[in-house]
Amino acid sequence: MSNKPRISAWTLEQEEDCCGRINEAIQTLTVEIQDGGGGAYVVLKTERWAADPDELRTLADAIERAIKDHDAAEAEAEKKRKP
């Protein structure tokens, strides 16, 4: 198993929704894209993150683009390392 580092991480914040936690003003979501050698996977960390389906699709699309961009950059770097 490879010791590849995390590809990327974001912390997103938004105002607490109307059905959210009492006395809390902000919701926080941390998105980590990691690769332990077998390919990228996503780790989501939050106590509460309210979103509608369209927002979730937008987030999933952004994550997918980040993984593809990383894979393309890694492939390009590998080409440059080979004689």
PDB file of N, CA and C in Angstrom:
ATOM      1  N   MET A   1       0.837  -1.179   0.000  1.00  0.00           N
ATOM      2  CA  MET A   1       0.000   0.000   0.000  1.00  0.00           C
ATOM      3  C   MET A   1       0.883   1.244   0.000  1.00  0.00           C
ATOM      4  N   SER A   2       0.548   2.179  -0.821  1.00  0.00           N
ATOM      5  CA  SER A   2       1.286   3.427  -0.969  1.00  0.00           C
ATOM      6  C   SER A   2       0.981   4.364   0.192  1.00  0.00           C
ATOM      7  N   ASN A   3       1.886   5.276   0.430  1.00  0.00           N
ATOM      8  CA  ASN A   3       1.667   6.294   1.452  1.00  0.00           C
ATOM      9  C   ASN A   3       1.351   7.623   0.792  1.00  0.00           C
ATOM     10  N   LYS A   4       0.428   7.626  -0.143  1.00  0.00           N
ATOM     11  CA  LYS A   4       0.079   8.845  -0.847  1.00  0.00           C
ATOM     12  C   LYS A   4      -0.562   9.840   0.122  1.00  0.00           C
ATOM     13  N   PRO A   5      -0.231  11.115  -0.037  1.00  0.00           N
ATOM     14  CA  PRO A   5      -0.847  12.119   0.834  1.00  0.00           C
ATOM     15  C   PRO A   5      -2.265  12.438   0.406  1.00  0.00           C
ATOM     16  N   ARG A   6      -2.945  13.169   1.258  1.00  0.00           N
ATOM     17  CA  ARG A   6      -4.271  13.662   0.922  1.00  0.00           C
ATOM     18  C   ARG A   6      -4.166  14.476  -0.358  1.00  0.00           C
ATOM     19  N   ILE A   7      -5.126  14.354  -1.241  1.00  0.00           N
ATOM     20  CA  ILE A   7      -5.136  15.112  -2.479  1.00  0.00           C
ATOM     21  C   ILE A   7      -5.552  16.552  -2.213  1.00  0.00           C
ATOM     22  N   SER A   8      -6.613  16.733  -1.449  1.00  0.00           N
ATOM     23  CA  SER A   8      -7.145  18.072  -1.240  1.00  0.00           C
ATOM     24  C   SER A   8      -8.093  18.073  -0.049  1.00  0.00           C
ATOM     25  N   ALA A   9      -8.351  19.263   0.470  1.00  0.00           N
ATOM     26  CA  ALA A   9      -9.323  19.405   1.555  1.00  0.00           C
ATOM     27  C   ALA A   9      -9.932  20.794   1.496  1.00  0.00           C
ATOM     28  N   TRP A  10     -11.221  20.868   1.808  1.00  0.00           N
ATOM     29  CA  TRP A  10     -11.934  22.138   1.882  1.00  0.00           C
ATOM     30  C   TRP A  10     -12.729  22.161   3.167  1.00  0.00           C
ATOM     31  N   THR A  11     -12.889  23.353   3.715  1.00  0.00           N
ATOM     32  CA  THR A  11     -13.825  23.553   4.808  1.00  0.00           C
ATOM     33  C   THR A  11     -14.850  24.570   4.324  1.00  0.00           C
ATOM     34  N   LEU A  12     -16.092  24.149   4.325  1.00  0.00           N
ATOM     35  CA  LEU A  12     -17.193  24.994   3.867  1.00  0.00           C
ATOM     36  C   LEU A  12     -18.003  25.437   5.079  1.00  0.00           C
ATOM     37  N   GLU A  13     -18.497  26.663   5.033  1.00  0.00           N
ATOM     38  CA  GLU A  13     -19.343  27.179   6.111  1.00  0.00           C
ATOM     39  C   GLU A  13     -20.581  27.813   5.517  1.00  0.00           C
ATOM     40  N   GLN A  14     -21.681  27.691   6.237  1.00  0.00           N
ATOM     41  CA  GLN A  14     -22.915  28.368   5.855  1.00  0.00           C
ATOM     42  C   GLN A  14     -23.697  28.675   7.126  1.00  0.00           C
ATOM     43  N   GLU A  15     -24.636  29.599   6.999  1.00  0.00           N
ATOM     44  CA  GLU A  15     -25.483  29.936   8.137  1.00  0.00           C
ATOM     45  C   GLU A  15     -26.333  28.732   8.521  1.00  0.00           C
ATOM     46  N   GLU A  16     -26.613  28.629   9.798  1.00  0.00           N
ATOM     47  CA  GLU A  16     -27.458  27.546  10.305  1.00  0.00           C
ATOM     48  C   GLU A  16     -28.837  27.634   9.659  1.00  0.00           C
ATOM     49  N   ASP A  17     -29.387  26.495   9.255  1.00  0.00           N
ATOM     50  CA  ASP A  17     -30.729  26.494   8.669  1.00  0.00           C
ATOM     51  C   ASP A  17     -31.783  26.630   9.771  1.00  0.00           C
ATOM     52  N   CYS A  18     -33.022  26.901   9.376  1.00  0.00           N
ATOM     53  CA  CYS A  18     -34.082  27.171  10.349  1.00  0.00           C
ATOM     54  C   CYS A  18     -34.445  25.947  11.199  1.00  0.00           C
ATOM     55  N   CYS A  19     -34.098  24.762  10.757  1.00  0.00           N
ATOM     56  CA  CYS A  19     -34.373  23.542  11.529  1.00  0.00           C
ATOM     57  C   CYS A  19     -33.117  23.047  12.240  1.00  0.00           C
ATOM     58  N   GLY A  20     -32.115  23.886  12.295  1.00  0.00           N
ATOM     59  CA  GLY A  20     -30.812  23.485  12.812  1.00  0.00           C
ATOM     60  C   GLY A  20     -30.711  23.469  14.319  1.00  0.00           C
ATOM     61  N   ARG A  21     -29.499  23.615  14.793  1.00  0.00           N
ATOM     62  CA  ARG A  21     -29.203  23.515  16.213  1.00  0.00           C
ATOM     63  C   ARG A  21     -29.490  24.831  16.922  1.00  0.00           C
ATOM     64  N   ILE A  22     -29.980  24.750  18.118  1.00  0.00           N
ATOM     65  CA  ILE A  22     -30.289  25.934  18.921  1.00  0.00           C
ATOM     66  C   ILE A  22     -28.982  26.612  19.323  1.00  0.00           C
ATOM     67  N   ASN A  23     -28.960  27.931  19.232  1.00  0.00           N
ATOM     68  CA  ASN A  23     -27.808  28.754  19.613  1.00  0.00           C
ATOM     69  C   ASN A  23     -26.565  28.499  18.767  1.00  0.00           C
ATOM     70  N   GLU A  24     -26.736  27.968  17.579  1.00  0.00           N
ATOM     71  CA  GLU A  24     -25.617  27.783  16.652  1.00  0.00           C
ATOM     72  C   GLU A  24     -25.864  28.668  15.444  1.00  0.00           C
ATOM     73  N   ALA A  25     -24.845  29.374  14.992  1.00  0.00           N
ATOM     74  CA  ALA A  25     -25.013  30.298  13.875  1.00  0.00           C
ATOM     75  C   ALA A  25     -24.429  29.749  12.572  1.00  0.00           C
ATOM     76  N   ILE A  26     -23.499  28.835  12.671  1.00  0.00           N
ATOM     77  CA  ILE A  26     -22.767  28.381  11.486  1.00  0.00           C
ATOM     78  C   ILE A  26     -22.743  26.856  11.420  1.00  0.00           C
ATOM     79  N   GLN A  27     -22.918  26.342  10.217  1.00  0.00           N
ATOM     80  CA  GLN A  27     -22.718  24.915   9.937  1.00  0.00           C
ATOM     81  C   GLN A  27     -21.383  24.793   9.192  1.00  0.00           C
ATOM     82  N   THR A  28     -20.629  23.789   9.536  1.00  0.00           N
ATOM     83  CA  THR A  28     -19.325  23.585   8.909  1.00  0.00           C
ATOM     84  C   THR A  28     -19.249  22.176   8.342  1.00  0.00           C
ATOM     85  N   LEU A  29     -18.716  22.079   7.131  1.00  0.00           N
ATOM     86  CA  LEU A  29     -18.497  20.795   6.474  1.00  0.00           C
ATOM     87  C   LEU A  29     -17.063  20.761   5.992  1.00  0.00           C
ATOM     88  N   THR A  30     -16.323  19.750   6.398  1.00  0.00           N
ATOM     89  CA  THR A  30     -14.973  19.541   5.893  1.00  0.00           C
ATOM     90  C   THR A  30     -15.025  18.387   4.906  1.00  0.00           C
ATOM     91  N   VAL A  31     -14.483  18.626   3.724  1.00  0.00           N
ATOM     92  CA  VAL A  31     -14.427  17.626   2.670  1.00  0.00           C
ATOM     93  C   VAL A  31     -12.957  17.316   2.435  1.00  0.00           C
ATOM     94  N   GLU A  32     -12.575  16.064   2.619  1.00  0.00           N
ATOM     95  CA  GLU A  32     -11.203  15.640   2.359  1.00  0.00           C
ATOM     96  C   GLU A  32     -11.223  14.592   1.258  1.00  0.00           C
ATOM     97  N   ILE A  33     -10.347  14.757   0.303  1.00  0.00           N
ATOM     98  CA  ILE A  33     -10.154  13.738  -0.725  1.00  0.00           C
ATOM     99  C   ILE A  33      -8.816  13.089  -0.408  1.00  0.00           C
ATOM    100  N   GLN A  34      -8.847  11.802  -0.135  1.00  0.00           N
ATOM    101  CA  GLN A  34      -7.644  11.082   0.261  1.00  0.00           C
ATOM    102  C   GLN A  34      -7.377   9.932  -0.690  1.00  0.00           C
ATOM    103  N   ASP A  35      -6.141   9.467  -0.690  1.00  0.00           N
ATOM    104  CA  ASP A  35      -5.762   8.317  -1.502  1.00  0.00           C
ATOM    105  C   ASP A  35      -4.718   7.532  -0.739  1.00  0.00           C
ATOM    106  N   GLY A  36      -5.080   6.356  -0.311  1.00  0.00           N
ATOM    107  CA  GLY A  36      -4.163   5.495   0.418  1.00  0.00           C
ATOM    108  C   GLY A  36      -3.429   4.540  -0.500  1.00  0.00           C
ATOM    109  N   GLY A  37      -3.534   4.752  -1.809  1.00  0.00           N
ATOM    110  CA  GLY A  37      -2.849   3.895  -2.764  1.00  0.00           C
ATOM    111  C   GLY A  37      -3.799   3.129  -3.656  1.00  0.00           C
ATOM    112  N   GLY A  38      -5.050   3.047  -3.291  1.00  0.00           N
ATOM    113  CA  GLY A  38      -6.011   2.294  -4.089  1.00  0.00           C
ATOM    114  C   GLY A  38      -6.977   3.174  -4.855  1.00  0.00           C
ATOM    115  N   GLY A  39      -6.709   4.469  -4.888  1.00  0.00           N
ATOM    116  CA  GLY A  39      -7.595   5.400  -5.570  1.00  0.00           C
ATOM    117  C   GLY A  39      -8.206   6.381  -4.590  1.00  0.00           C
ATOM    118  N   ALA A  40      -8.712   7.453  -5.140  1.00  0.00           N
ATOM    119  CA  ALA A  40      -9.260   8.533  -4.307  1.00  0.00           C
ATOM    120  C   ALA A  40     -10.574   8.125  -3.652  1.00  0.00           C
ATOM    121  N   TYR A  41     -10.772   8.613  -2.440  1.00  0.00           N
ATOM    122  CA  TYR A  41     -12.054   8.470  -1.754  1.00  0.00           C
ATOM    123  C   TYR A  41     -12.314   9.757  -0.982  1.00  0.00           C
ATOM    124  N   VAL A  42     -13.561   9.975  -0.626  1.00  0.00           N
ATOM    125  CA  VAL A  42     -13.976  11.228  -0.016  1.00  0.00           C
ATOM    126  C   VAL A  42     -14.367  10.991   1.439  1.00  0.00           C
ATOM    127  N   VAL A  43     -13.881  11.876   2.318  1.00  0.00           N
ATOM    128  CA  VAL A  43     -14.236  11.847   3.728  1.00  0.00           C
ATOM    129  C   VAL A  43     -14.985  13.140   4.030  1.00  0.00           C
ATOM    130  N   LEU A  44     -16.193  13.014   4.573  1.00  0.00           N
ATOM    131  CA  LEU A  44     -17.003  14.173   4.959  1.00  0.00           C
ATOM    132  C   LEU A  44     -17.069  14.231   6.475  1.00  0.00           C
ATOM    133  N   LYS A  45     -16.789  15.421   7.036  1.00  0.00           N
ATOM    134  CA  LYS A  45     -16.841  15.600   8.488  1.00  0.00           C
ATOM    135  C   LYS A  45     -17.741  16.788   8.805  1.00  0.00           C
ATOM    136  N   THR A  46     -18.777  16.555   9.628  1.00  0.00           N
ATOM    137  CA  THR A  46     -19.686  17.623  10.014  1.00  0.00           C
ATOM    138  C   THR A  46     -20.521  17.192  11.207  1.00  0.00           C
ATOM    139  N   GLU A  47     -20.980  18.168  11.969  1.00  0.00           N
ATOM    140  CA  GLU A  47     -22.003  17.883  12.968  1.00  0.00           C
ATOM    141  C   GLU A  47     -23.369  18.040  12.338  1.00  0.00           C
ATOM    142  N   ARG A  48     -23.464  18.989  11.407  1.00  0.00           N
ATOM    143  CA  ARG A  48     -24.715  19.208  10.684  1.00  0.00           C
ATOM    144  C   ARG A  48     -24.387  20.026   9.444  1.00  0.00           C
ATOM    145  N   TRP A  49     -24.908  19.581   8.298  1.00  0.00           N
ATOM    146  CA  TRP A  49     -24.790  20.322   7.054  1.00  0.00           C
ATOM    147  C   TRP A  49     -26.080  20.098   6.285  1.00  0.00           C
ATOM    148  N   ALA A  50     -26.914  21.109   6.236  1.00  0.00           N
ATOM    149  CA  ALA A  50     -28.183  21.005   5.527  1.00  0.00           C
ATOM    150  C   ALA A  50     -27.997  21.501   4.099  1.00  0.00           C
ATOM    151  N   ALA A  51     -28.470  20.717   3.146  1.00  0.00           N
ATOM    152  CA  ALA A  51     -28.335  21.085   1.740  1.00  0.00           C
ATOM    153  C   ALA A  51     -29.460  20.453   0.945  1.00  0.00           C
ATOM    154  N   ASP A  52     -29.844  21.133  -0.113  1.00  0.00           N
ATOM    155  CA  ASP A  52     -30.838  20.517  -0.991  1.00  0.00           C
ATOM    156  C   ASP A  52     -30.107  19.645  -2.021  1.00  0.00           C
ATOM    157  N   PRO A  53     -30.821  18.771  -2.717  1.00  0.00           N
ATOM    158  CA  PRO A  53     -30.181  17.844  -3.649  1.00  0.00           C
ATOM    159  C   PRO A  53     -29.326  18.527  -4.720  1.00  0.00           C
ATOM    160  N   ASP A  54     -29.764  19.682  -5.224  1.00  0.00           N
ATOM    161  CA  ASP A  54     -28.963  20.380  -6.237  1.00  0.00           C
ATOM    162  C   ASP A  54     -27.609  20.819  -5.682  1.00  0.00           C
ATOM    163  N   GLU A  55     -27.600  21.280  -4.431  1.00  0.00           N
ATOM    164  CA  GLU A  55     -26.338  21.676  -3.805  1.00  0.00           C
ATOM    165  C   GLU A  55     -25.422  20.467  -3.620  1.00  0.00           C
ATOM    166  N   LEU A  56     -25.995  19.329  -3.279  1.00  0.00           N
ATOM    167  CA  LEU A  56     -25.189  18.112  -3.120  1.00  0.00           C
ATOM    168  C   LEU A  56     -24.596  17.672  -4.455  1.00  0.00           C
ATOM    169  N   ARG A  57     -25.390  17.794  -5.539  1.00  0.00           N
ATOM    170  CA  ARG A  57     -24.869  17.455  -6.872  1.00  0.00           C
ATOM    171  C   ARG A  57     -23.725  18.386  -7.260  1.00  0.00           C
ATOM    172  N   THR A  58     -23.879  19.666  -6.953  1.00  0.00           N
ATOM    173  CA  THR A  58     -22.824  20.638  -7.256  1.00  0.00           C
ATOM    174  C   THR A  58     -21.548  20.298  -6.486  1.00  0.00           C
ATOM    175  N   LEU A  59     -21.694  19.948  -5.216  1.00  0.00           N
ATOM    176  CA  LEU A  59     -20.543  19.555  -4.405  1.00  0.00           C
ATOM    177  C   LEU A  59     -19.900  18.291  -4.963  1.00  0.00           C
ATOM    178  N   ALA A  60     -20.711  17.297  -5.310  1.00  0.00           N
ATOM    179  CA  ALA A  60     -20.177  16.051  -5.875  1.00  0.00           C
ATOM    180  C   ALA A  60     -19.439  16.323  -7.180  1.00  0.00           C
ATOM    181  N   ASP A  61     -19.968  17.208  -8.020  1.00  0.00           N
ATOM    182  CA  ASP A  61     -19.297  17.566  -9.275  1.00  0.00           C
ATOM    183  C   ASP A  61     -17.948  18.229  -9.012  1.00  0.00           C
ATOM    184  N   ALA A  62     -17.889  19.121  -8.021  1.00  0.00           N
ATOM    185  CA  ALA A  62     -16.635  19.798  -7.683  1.00  0.00           C
ATOM    186  C   ALA A  62     -15.598  18.798  -7.173  1.00  0.00           C
ATOM    187  N   ILE A  63     -16.043  17.847  -6.368  1.00  0.00           N
ATOM    188  CA  ILE A  63     -15.136  16.811  -5.862  1.00  0.00           C
ATOM    189  C   ILE A  63     -14.618  15.970  -7.017  1.00  0.00           C
ATOM    190  N   GLU A  64     -15.507  15.576  -7.914  1.00  0.00           N
ATOM    191  CA  GLU A  64     -15.101  14.763  -9.060  1.00  0.00           C
ATOM    192  C   GLU A  64     -14.081  15.507  -9.931  1.00  0.00           C
ATOM    193  N   ARG A  65     -14.301  16.811 -10.163  1.00  0.00           N
ATOM    194  CA  ARG A  65     -13.346  17.603 -10.947  1.00  0.00           C
ATOM    195  C   ARG A  65     -11.988  17.663 -10.258  1.00  0.00           C
ATOM    196  N   ALA A  66     -11.985  17.841  -8.933  1.00  0.00           N
ATOM    197  CA  ALA A  66     -10.720  17.906  -8.195  1.00  0.00           C
ATOM    198  C   ALA A  66      -9.949  16.596  -8.324  1.00  0.00           C
ATOM    199  N   ILE A  67     -10.645  15.479  -8.257  1.00  0.00           N
ATOM    200  CA  ILE A  67      -9.990  14.170  -8.396  1.00  0.00           C
ATOM    201  C   ILE A  67      -9.441  14.011  -9.810  1.00  0.00           C
ATOM    202  N   LYS A  68     -10.229  14.357 -10.824  1.00  0.00           N
ATOM    203  CA  LYS A  68      -9.766  14.238 -12.212  1.00  0.00           C
ATOM    204  C   LYS A  68      -8.572  15.145 -12.471  1.00  0.00           C
ATOM    205  N   ASP A  69      -8.625  16.382 -11.960  1.00  0.00           N
ATOM    206  CA  ASP A  69      -7.501  17.310 -12.134  1.00  0.00           C
ATOM    207  C   ASP A  69      -6.244  16.764 -11.478  1.00  0.00           C
ATOM    208  N   HIS A  70      -6.398  16.214 -10.277  1.00  0.00           N
ATOM    209  CA  HIS A  70      -5.250  15.636  -9.587  1.00  0.00           C
ATOM    210  C   HIS A  70      -4.687  14.456 -10.366  1.00  0.00           C
ATOM    211  N   ASP A  71      -5.563  13.572 -10.843  1.00  0.00           N
ATOM    212  CA  ASP A  71      -5.108  12.409 -11.609  1.00  0.00           C
ATOM    213  C   ASP A  71      -4.376  12.834 -12.874  1.00  0.00           C
ATOM    214  N   ALA A  72      -4.892  13.861 -13.561  1.00  0.00           N
ATOM    215  CA  ALA A  72      -4.245  14.346 -14.780  1.00  0.00           C
ATOM    216  C   ALA A  72      -2.874  14.950 -14.471  1.00  0.00           C
ATOM    217  N   ALA A  73      -2.788  15.720 -13.393  1.00  0.00           N
ATOM    218  CA  ALA A  73      -1.508  16.320 -13.009  1.00  0.00           C
ATOM    219  C   ALA A  73      -0.505  15.250 -12.606  1.00  0.00           C
ATOM    220  N   GLU A  74      -0.976  14.235 -11.910  1.00  0.00           N
ATOM    221  CA  GLU A  74      -0.091  13.142 -11.502  1.00  0.00           C
ATOM    222  C   GLU A  74       0.409  12.363 -12.720  1.00  0.00           C
ATOM    223  N   ALA A  75      -0.464  12.119 -13.697  1.00  0.00           N
ATOM    224  CA  ALA A  75      -0.067  11.414 -14.920  1.00  0.00           C
ATOM    225  C   ALA A  75       0.952  12.239 -15.702  1.00  0.00           C
ATOM    226  N   GLU A  76       0.750  13.545 -15.767  1.00  0.00           N
ATOM    227  CA  GLU A  76       1.688  14.421 -16.468  1.00  0.00           C
ATOM    228  C   GLU A  76       3.057  14.435 -15.770  1.00  0.00           C
ATOM    229  N   ALA A  77       3.067  14.493 -14.457  1.00  0.00           N
ATOM    230  CA  ALA A  77       4.316  14.469 -13.703  1.00  0.00           C
ATOM    231  C   ALA A  77       5.037  13.131 -13.905  1.00  0.00           C
ATOM    232  N   GLU A  78       4.293  12.048 -13.975  1.00  0.00           N
ATOM    233  CA  GLU A  78       4.892  10.731 -14.203  1.00  0.00           C
ATOM    234  C   GLU A  78       5.539  10.662 -15.581  1.00  0.00           C
ATOM    235  N   LYS A  79       4.904  11.252 -16.592  1.00  0.00           N
ATOM    236  CA  LYS A  79       5.471  11.291 -17.940  1.00  0.00           C
ATOM    237  C   LYS A  79       6.813  12.027 -17.945  1.00  0.00           C
ATOM    238  N   LYS A  80       6.877  13.126 -17.189  1.00  0.00           N
ATOM    239  CA  LYS A  80       8.103  13.930 -17.145  1.00  0.00           C
ATOM    240  C   LYS A  80       9.220  13.206 -16.418  1.00  0.00           C
ATOM    241  N   ARG A  81       8.874  12.320 -15.475  1.00  0.00           N
ATOM    242  CA  ARG A  81       9.903  11.584 -14.738  1.00  0.00           C
ATOM    243  C   ARG A  81      10.514  10.473 -15.570  1.00  0.00           C
ATOM    244  N   LYS A  82       9.754   9.943 -16.529  1.00  0.00           N
ATOM    245  CA  LYS A  82      10.255   8.852 -17.357  1.00  0.00           C
ATOM    246  C   LYS A  82      11.123   9.402 -18.480  1.00  0.00           C
ATOM    247  N   PRO A  83      12.277   8.750 -18.730  1.00  0.00           N
ATOM    248  CA  PRO A  83      13.164   9.234 -19.815  1.00  0.00           C
ATOM    249  C   PRO A  83      12.575   8.999 -21.192  1.00  0.00           C
TER     250      PRO A  83
END
